[in-house]
Amino acid sequence: MNMAEKLKAYMDDRGLKYSRVAELSGFDRITFSNILNHRRKLTADEFVTVCEAGLNIRPEYFFTYKFPKIEKSGKRSLKS
């Protein structure tokens, strides 16, 4: 799941209106819609702005990355 999908799921789960989040984040409705629907890429700075200004959450909320375990050979496994 990419960041736009995570943002969309977060807003859907909480019943937030995309247009209101867009407004609070400084986006026009069309641009924000294009981001959420993969017609425009979301930059890292924009992601932070949407989280902090539009959703009033810390961007770290969306990161649940688990580091790969180190095998006995000393090489990292890229499998999750």
N, C-alpha and C. Protein backbone atom coordinates (compact mmCIF):
# COMPACT_ATOMS: atom_id res chain seq x y z
N MET A 1 0.85 -1.17 0.00
CA MET A 1 0.00 0.00 0.00
C MET A 1 0.90 1.24 0.00
N ASN A 2 0.70 2.12 -0.97
CA ASN A 2 1.52 3.33 -1.01
C ASN A 2 0.94 4.41 -0.10
N MET A 3 1.63 5.53 0.01
CA MET A 3 1.23 6.57 0.96
C MET A 3 -0.13 7.18 0.63
N ALA A 4 -0.41 7.40 -0.63
CA ALA A 4 -1.72 7.95 -1.01
C ALA A 4 -2.83 7.00 -0.58
N GLU A 5 -2.62 5.71 -0.77
CA GLU A 5 -3.62 4.72 -0.36
C GLU A 5 -3.79 4.71 1.16
N LYS A 6 -2.68 4.85 1.88
CA LYS A 6 -2.76 4.89 3.34
C LYS A 6 -3.51 6.13 3.82
N LEU A 7 -3.23 7.27 3.18
CA LEU A 7 -3.96 8.49 3.55
C LEU A 7 -5.45 8.33 3.29
N LYS A 8 -5.77 7.79 2.14
CA LYS A 8 -7.17 7.60 1.76
C LYS A 8 -7.87 6.66 2.75
N ALA A 9 -7.22 5.55 3.10
CA ALA A 9 -7.80 4.60 4.04
C ALA A 9 -8.00 5.25 5.41
N TYR A 10 -7.03 6.04 5.84
CA TYR A 10 -7.13 6.73 7.12
C TYR A 10 -8.34 7.66 7.13
N MET A 11 -8.50 8.44 6.06
CA MET A 11 -9.63 9.37 5.98
C MET A 11 -10.95 8.61 5.90
N ASP A 12 -11.00 7.55 5.12
CA ASP A 12 -12.23 6.75 5.00
C ASP A 12 -12.62 6.13 6.33
N ASP A 13 -11.65 5.59 7.05
CA ASP A 13 -11.93 4.95 8.34
C ASP A 13 -12.51 5.93 9.36
N ARG A 14 -12.16 7.19 9.22
CA ARG A 14 -12.59 8.21 10.18
C ARG A 14 -13.72 9.09 9.65
N GLY A 15 -14.16 8.81 8.43
CA GLY A 15 -15.25 9.58 7.85
C GLY A 15 -14.89 11.02 7.52
N LEU A 16 -13.62 11.25 7.24
CA LEU A 16 -13.17 12.61 6.92
C LEU A 16 -13.44 12.93 5.45
N LYS A 17 -13.83 14.14 5.19
CA LYS A 17 -14.09 14.56 3.81
C LYS A 17 -12.78 14.95 3.15
N TYR A 18 -12.56 14.40 1.96
CA TYR A 18 -11.33 14.68 1.22
C TYR A 18 -11.20 16.18 0.96
N SER A 19 -12.30 16.83 0.64
CA SER A 19 -12.24 18.25 0.31
C SER A 19 -11.79 19.09 1.51
N ARG A 20 -12.21 18.69 2.72
CA ARG A 20 -11.80 19.43 3.92
C ARG A 20 -10.32 19.21 4.22
N VAL A 21 -9.87 17.97 4.09
CA VAL A 21 -8.45 17.68 4.32
C VAL A 21 -7.60 18.41 3.29
N ALA A 22 -8.06 18.44 2.04
CA ALA A 22 -7.35 19.17 0.99
C ALA A 22 -7.24 20.64 1.35
N GLU A 23 -8.34 21.23 1.78
CA GLU A 23 -8.35 22.66 2.13
C GLU A 23 -7.39 22.94 3.28
N LEU A 24 -7.45 22.14 4.32
CA LEU A 24 -6.56 22.34 5.47
C LEU A 24 -5.09 22.16 5.10
N SER A 25 -4.85 21.32 4.09
CA SER A 25 -3.48 21.03 3.66
C SER A 25 -2.95 22.02 2.63
N GLY A 26 -3.83 22.88 2.12
CA GLY A 26 -3.41 23.88 1.14
C GLY A 26 -3.51 23.42 -0.30
N PHE A 27 -4.24 22.33 -0.55
CA PHE A 27 -4.43 21.83 -1.90
C PHE A 27 -5.81 22.24 -2.41
N ASP A 28 -5.92 22.40 -3.73
CA ASP A 28 -7.26 22.52 -4.27
C ASP A 28 -7.83 21.10 -4.37
N ARG A 29 -9.13 21.01 -4.45
CA ARG A 29 -9.82 19.72 -4.44
C ARG A 29 -9.37 18.79 -5.56
N ILE A 30 -9.18 19.35 -6.76
CA ILE A 30 -8.79 18.54 -7.93
C ILE A 30 -7.39 17.96 -7.76
N THR A 31 -6.45 18.77 -7.32
CA THR A 31 -5.08 18.28 -7.12
C THR A 31 -5.05 17.18 -6.08
N PHE A 32 -5.77 17.39 -4.99
CA PHE A 32 -5.79 16.39 -3.92
C PHE A 32 -6.43 15.09 -4.42
N SER A 33 -7.48 15.21 -5.18
CA SER A 33 -8.13 14.04 -5.77
C SER A 33 -7.16 13.31 -6.70
N ASN A 34 -6.41 14.05 -7.48
CA ASN A 34 -5.42 13.43 -8.38
C ASN A 34 -4.35 12.66 -7.61
N ILE A 35 -3.95 13.19 -6.47
CA ILE A 35 -2.97 12.51 -5.62
C ILE A 35 -3.56 11.21 -5.09
N LEU A 36 -4.77 11.29 -4.55
CA LEU A 36 -5.39 10.11 -3.95
C LEU A 36 -5.72 9.04 -4.97
N ASN A 37 -5.91 9.45 -6.22
CA ASN A 37 -6.27 8.49 -7.27
C ASN A 37 -5.11 8.17 -8.21
N HIS A 38 -3.89 8.42 -7.76
CA HIS A 38 -2.65 8.03 -8.46
C HIS A 38 -2.47 8.71 -9.82
N ARG A 39 -3.06 9.86 -10.00
CA ARG A 39 -2.83 10.61 -11.25
C ARG A 39 -1.75 11.67 -11.05
N ARG A 40 -1.31 11.85 -9.82
CA ARG A 40 -0.24 12.79 -9.48
C ARG A 40 0.51 12.21 -8.29
N LYS A 41 1.82 12.32 -8.34
CA LYS A 41 2.63 11.81 -7.24
C LYS A 41 2.57 12.74 -6.04
N LEU A 42 2.69 12.17 -4.88
CA LEU A 42 2.73 12.90 -3.62
C LEU A 42 4.19 13.01 -3.19
N THR A 43 4.67 14.24 -3.00
CA THR A 43 6.05 14.41 -2.55
C THR A 43 6.13 14.18 -1.04
N ALA A 44 7.32 13.98 -0.55
CA ALA A 44 7.52 13.78 0.89
C ALA A 44 7.06 15.01 1.67
N ASP A 45 7.39 16.20 1.18
CA ASP A 45 6.97 17.43 1.85
C ASP A 45 5.45 17.56 1.88
N GLU A 46 4.81 17.21 0.78
CA GLU A 46 3.35 17.27 0.71
C GLU A 46 2.73 16.26 1.68
N PHE A 47 3.32 15.08 1.77
CA PHE A 47 2.84 14.06 2.69
C PHE A 47 2.87 14.58 4.13
N VAL A 48 3.97 15.21 4.50
CA VAL A 48 4.10 15.76 5.84
C VAL A 48 3.05 16.84 6.07
N THR A 49 2.83 17.69 5.09
CA THR A 49 1.83 18.76 5.21
C THR A 49 0.43 18.19 5.37
N VAL A 50 0.09 17.18 4.59
CA VAL A 50 -1.24 16.56 4.71
C VAL A 50 -1.41 15.97 6.10
N CYS A 51 -0.40 15.26 6.58
CA CYS A 51 -0.48 14.66 7.91
C CYS A 51 -0.64 15.72 9.00
N GLU A 52 0.25 16.70 8.99
CA GLU A 52 0.28 17.68 10.08
C GLU A 52 -0.83 18.71 9.99
N ALA A 53 -1.05 19.29 8.82
CA ALA A 53 -2.04 20.36 8.69
C ALA A 53 -3.44 19.82 8.39
N GLY A 54 -3.51 18.80 7.54
CA GLY A 54 -4.81 18.30 7.12
C GLY A 54 -5.43 17.29 8.07
N LEU A 55 -4.59 16.45 8.66
CA LEU A 55 -5.11 15.37 9.51
C LEU A 55 -4.77 15.56 10.99
N ASN A 56 -3.88 16.49 11.28
CA ASN A 56 -3.45 16.77 12.65
C ASN A 56 -2.86 15.52 13.33
N ILE A 57 -2.02 14.81 12.56
CA ILE A 57 -1.31 13.65 13.10
C ILE A 57 0.16 13.74 12.70
N ARG A 58 0.98 12.97 13.35
CA ARG A 58 2.40 12.92 12.98
C ARG A 58 2.56 11.96 11.81
N PRO A 59 3.39 12.29 10.83
CA PRO A 59 3.60 11.41 9.67
C PRO A 59 4.07 10.01 10.05
N GLU A 60 4.76 9.89 11.17
CA GLU A 60 5.28 8.61 11.62
C GLU A 60 4.18 7.58 11.84
N TYR A 61 2.97 8.04 12.01
CA TYR A 61 1.83 7.15 12.22
C TYR A 61 1.74 6.09 11.11
N PHE A 62 2.08 6.48 9.90
CA PHE A 62 1.92 5.61 8.75
C PHE A 62 3.08 4.65 8.51
N PHE A 63 4.13 4.79 9.30
CA PHE A 63 5.31 3.95 9.09
C PHE A 63 5.37 2.84 10.11
N THR A 64 5.22 1.62 9.62
CA THR A 64 5.30 0.45 10.49
C THR A 64 6.32 -0.53 9.95
N TYR A 65 7.37 -0.01 9.38
CA TYR A 65 8.41 -0.82 8.76
C TYR A 65 9.12 -1.66 9.80
N LYS A 66 9.25 -2.95 9.50
CA LYS A 66 10.01 -3.83 10.35
C LYS A 66 11.33 -4.15 9.67
N PHE A 67 12.40 -3.91 10.35
CA PHE A 67 13.71 -4.17 9.78
C PHE A 67 13.91 -5.66 9.60
N PRO A 68 14.58 -6.05 8.51
CA PRO A 68 14.80 -7.48 8.27
C PRO A 68 15.73 -8.08 9.32
N LYS A 69 15.50 -9.34 9.60
CA LYS A 69 16.34 -10.05 10.56
C LYS A 69 17.69 -10.37 9.93
N ILE A 70 18.72 -10.35 10.73
CA ILE A 70 20.05 -10.70 10.24
C ILE A 70 20.24 -12.21 10.45
N GLU A 71 20.52 -12.89 9.34
CA GLU A 71 20.73 -14.34 9.41
C GLU A 71 22.10 -14.64 9.97
N LYS A 72 22.33 -15.89 10.33
CA LYS A 72 23.61 -16.30 10.91
C LYS A 72 24.80 -16.02 10.01
N SER A 73 24.58 -16.01 8.69
CA SER A 73 25.68 -15.76 7.77
C SER A 73 26.10 -14.29 7.78
N GLY A 74 25.32 -13.46 8.46
CA GLY A 74 25.64 -12.04 8.51
C GLY A 74 24.94 -11.24 7.43
N LYS A 75 24.28 -11.92 6.52
CA LYS A 75 23.56 -11.23 5.46
C LYS A 75 22.13 -10.97 5.93
N ARG A 76 21.60 -9.86 5.48
CA ARG A 76 20.22 -9.53 5.83
C ARG A 76 19.26 -10.24 4.90
N SER A 77 18.18 -10.67 5.47
CA SER A 77 17.12 -11.26 4.67
C SER A 77 16.16 -10.15 4.26
N LEU A 78 15.81 -10.12 3.00
CA LEU A 78 14.86 -9.11 2.52
C LEU A 78 13.43 -9.62 2.58
N LYS A 79 13.28 -10.83 3.06
CA LYS A 79 11.94 -11.39 3.21
C LYS A 79 11.33 -10.87 4.49
N SER A 80 10.02 -10.61 4.43
CA SER A 80 9.33 -10.11 5.63
C SER A 80 8.75 -11.25 6.42
